[in-house]
């Protein structure tokens, strides 16, 4: 039985990965600090189905505490999938030091432990935000002129570069995956699709930043999970950075109107000033992902929204929350 450490494994992306790995017969250790960025109970619910499974192990610890990680983890892992991080573009502007400590320092701690323990496969969750304001679309990994405009984005670039150092010096195969706006069931309550849905269901006004023309390359969670699993098995080179997107950017206003239609409500929209740290568009080239990982997104935006809405309507406690009263994040 193969063993994997999944950091952030109780979160949105991590819990979906854990579901698939447990189903496929892996021994899975989840490391999560249950950061209060959103309700602890949501994360516990994400992993509730596995808590009694002998092949599932939950370790609550902080990425910044290397000694606690060394003492609390088993050391016997075939792969580390590092999804854990302080999340969000806008919050990083308010507290850049914390983002640096967790996202960069925490990643270095894990790489140090991978070196000590002889873990040779390390998959890292990077972000489309590393491209910043880049008019050359679709965005390609071959474009080495990265212009991040948020502390969060800069920490993800730093994580990629740390991976290159440890790959070069210590023989760790490091695969950095640049996720493009992941959505689907269990999406974090602060993210746009979830937050806007909550506002629509409550009959509240939805803030549209700018004129509604900004767009995102929304990527369904099921497609992302297949990409992560392919990266876990990848062995053709020792260091790669790879986009995982859908190649189909959707304008903000179109997204809100589609949500309203699927929820069966009339949207109340208010146009407000653009948000600091937001980029006008994201648009992935997935040529490299197809070539190296066999990655091919299969879920259309409409189908993905149907699945998200079905999940949200079956969990009313997740949209009748204080988070739904805050201004939404769009990244």
Foldseek 3Di string as FASTA:
>chain_A
DAEEEEEVLLADLNLVLVVVCVVVPYQYEYEYQCPVPDDSVLSCVSCVVCPPPPSYHYDHDALLDLVCVVVGDDLRHQEYEYPDAPDDFVVCQVPVVRRCRRLQNSLVSVLVSCLVSVHAYYEYEAALQQQPADPDPPDDPVPPPTDHQGSNSVSRVNSQVSLVVSCVPRVHQYEYEHEWAEDFARHDCQADLNLLLLCQVVVHEAEQADPQFQWTQYAYSVLVSLLVVLSSVFDPDRHYYAYDTQQDIDTRVRSSVLSCVLVVGDHHYDYDHHDRRDYRYHGHDHPVSCVRRVRHGDADPSNRSNRRVVNCVVPVVSSPDPSSVDHHGHD
